[in-house]
Amino acid sequence: MIRKQQIEKEIEAAIASLDHLAPASPAPFFYTRLSARMMKEEKNVWGRVSRTITRPVIAGLSVALIIAVNIFAVLHHTPKTSAGVPDQAEIAVADEYNRSTSLYNIDNVQP
């Protein structure tokens, strides 16, 4: 119990010592330098690329180009058509699945 009271007194003394301190003030022209640094253009490649891509004209042209390529692909898509003659694989699949007996009657074959 005495230990707890001693700790509380030390905490109060530490807090009381902070009451007489003056608040820290920034160096002269700090905010001016900060705003100048924030407004300074980036000289790296990614900064220039991001500025170029995000321009409305470039973004609009990119979307128009993608839509044009998609329309071209849809209009010039020629499906593979057969001349009406099924190949051997189609005939085999049709014969396999077009049985006259059902699966229920396979076990009950009458002699």
Protein backbone atom coordinates (compact mmCIF):
# COMPACT_ATOMS: atom_id res chain seq x y z
CA MET A 1 0.00 0.00 0.00
CA ILE A 2 2.83 2.37 0.84
CA ARG A 3 4.55 1.47 -2.43
CA LYS A 4 1.43 2.36 -4.40
CA GLN A 5 1.17 5.78 -2.71
CA GLN A 6 4.84 6.45 -3.40
CA ILE A 7 4.35 5.66 -7.10
CA GLU A 8 1.34 7.99 -7.27
CA LYS A 9 3.36 10.82 -5.67
CA GLU A 10 6.15 10.36 -8.21
CA ILE A 11 3.65 10.44 -11.07
CA GLU A 12 2.06 13.64 -9.74
CA ALA A 13 5.51 15.22 -9.34
CA ALA A 14 6.39 14.35 -12.93
CA ILE A 15 3.12 15.81 -14.22
CA ALA A 16 3.57 18.95 -12.12
CA SER A 17 7.04 19.49 -13.58
CA LEU A 18 5.51 19.57 -17.06
CA ASP A 19 3.16 22.43 -16.13
CA HIS A 20 5.97 25.01 -16.15
CA LEU A 21 7.30 24.11 -19.59
CA ALA A 22 6.61 26.42 -22.53
CA PRO A 23 5.07 24.84 -25.62
CA ALA A 24 7.50 24.14 -28.43
CA SER A 25 7.39 26.58 -31.30
CA PRO A 26 8.53 25.81 -34.84
CA ALA A 27 11.57 27.44 -36.37
CA PRO A 28 11.02 30.68 -38.28
CA PHE A 29 9.33 30.23 -41.68
CA PHE A 30 8.64 26.56 -40.93
CA TYR A 31 5.20 26.56 -42.52
CA THR A 32 6.49 28.43 -45.57
CA ARG A 33 9.22 25.86 -46.12
CA LEU A 34 6.76 23.02 -45.51
CA SER A 35 4.25 24.32 -48.04
CA ALA A 36 7.05 24.94 -50.58
CA ARG A 37 8.29 21.38 -50.16
CA MET A 38 4.77 20.00 -50.59
CA MET A 39 4.21 22.07 -53.75
CA LYS A 40 7.58 21.11 -55.24
CA GLU A 41 7.18 18.91 -58.30
CA GLU A 42 8.54 15.42 -58.20
CA LYS A 43 11.31 14.83 -60.69
CA ASN A 44 11.05 11.04 -60.86
CA VAL A 45 9.58 8.98 -63.68
CA TRP A 46 6.52 7.75 -61.78
CA GLY A 47 5.45 11.28 -60.95
CA ARG A 48 5.52 12.27 -64.61
CA VAL A 49 3.75 9.08 -65.69
CA SER A 50 0.98 9.49 -63.13
CA ARG A 51 0.46 13.14 -64.14
CA THR A 52 0.26 12.15 -67.81
CA ILE A 53 -2.13 9.23 -67.32
CA THR A 54 -4.52 11.13 -65.07
CA ARG A 55 -5.11 13.96 -67.52
CA PRO A 56 -8.73 13.87 -68.69
CA VAL A 57 -7.84 13.87 -72.39
CA ILE A 58 -5.49 10.90 -72.06
CA ALA A 59 -7.92 8.97 -69.84
CA GLY A 60 -10.81 9.60 -72.25
CA LEU A 61 -8.76 8.54 -75.27
CA SER A 62 -7.65 5.38 -73.46
CA VAL A 63 -11.24 4.40 -72.67
CA ALA A 64 -12.30 5.17 -76.26
CA LEU A 65 -9.45 3.04 -77.61
CA ILE A 66 -10.39 0.08 -75.41
CA ILE A 67 -14.04 0.33 -76.48
CA ALA A 68 -13.02 0.56 -80.16
CA VAL A 69 -10.82 -2.53 -79.89
CA ASN A 70 -13.66 -4.45 -78.22
CA ILE A 71 -16.15 -3.42 -80.92
CA PHE A 72 -13.67 -4.42 -83.62
CA ALA A 73 -13.15 -7.82 -81.98
CA VAL A 74 -16.90 -8.45 -81.69
CA LEU A 75 -17.67 -7.42 -85.27
CA HIS A 76 -14.83 -9.38 -86.85
CA HIS A 77 -15.31 -12.53 -84.82
CA THR A 78 -16.12 -15.34 -87.23
CA PRO A 79 -17.40 -18.43 -85.51
CA LYS A 80 -16.14 -21.73 -86.79
CA THR A 81 -19.01 -23.16 -88.77
CA SER A 82 -19.22 -26.61 -90.19
CA ALA A 83 -20.74 -27.33 -93.58
CA GLY A 84 -23.55 -29.34 -92.03
CA VAL A 85 -21.54 -32.55 -91.90
CA PRO A 86 -20.79 -33.68 -88.34
CA ASP A 87 -17.35 -35.11 -87.71
CA GLN A 88 -16.64 -38.50 -86.14
CA ALA A 89 -16.33 -37.16 -82.58
CA GLU A 90 -19.77 -35.54 -82.72
CA ILE A 91 -21.29 -38.73 -84.10
CA ALA A 92 -19.67 -40.83 -81.37
CA VAL A 93 -20.95 -38.52 -78.62
CA ALA A 94 -24.44 -38.49 -80.13
CA ASP A 95 -24.47 -42.30 -80.36
CA GLU A 96 -23.20 -42.65 -76.80
CA TYR A 97 -25.79 -40.42 -75.20
CA ASN A 98 -28.75 -41.21 -77.46
CA ARG A 99 -29.53 -44.70 -76.23
CA SER A 100 -32.91 -46.28 -76.53
CA THR A 101 -32.62 -47.89 -73.09
CA SER A 102 -32.45 -45.98 -69.86
CA LEU A 103 -30.00 -46.62 -67.08
CA TYR A 104 -32.80 -48.03 -64.94
CA ASN A 105 -33.44 -50.88 -67.36
CA ILE A 106 -29.85 -52.05 -67.73
CA ASP A 107 -30.04 -54.36 -64.70
CA ASN A 108 -33.43 -55.78 -65.62
CA VAL A 109 -32.57 -57.20 -69.00
CA GLN A 110 -35.14 -59.75 -70.16
CA PRO A 111 -33.78 -62.80 -71.95
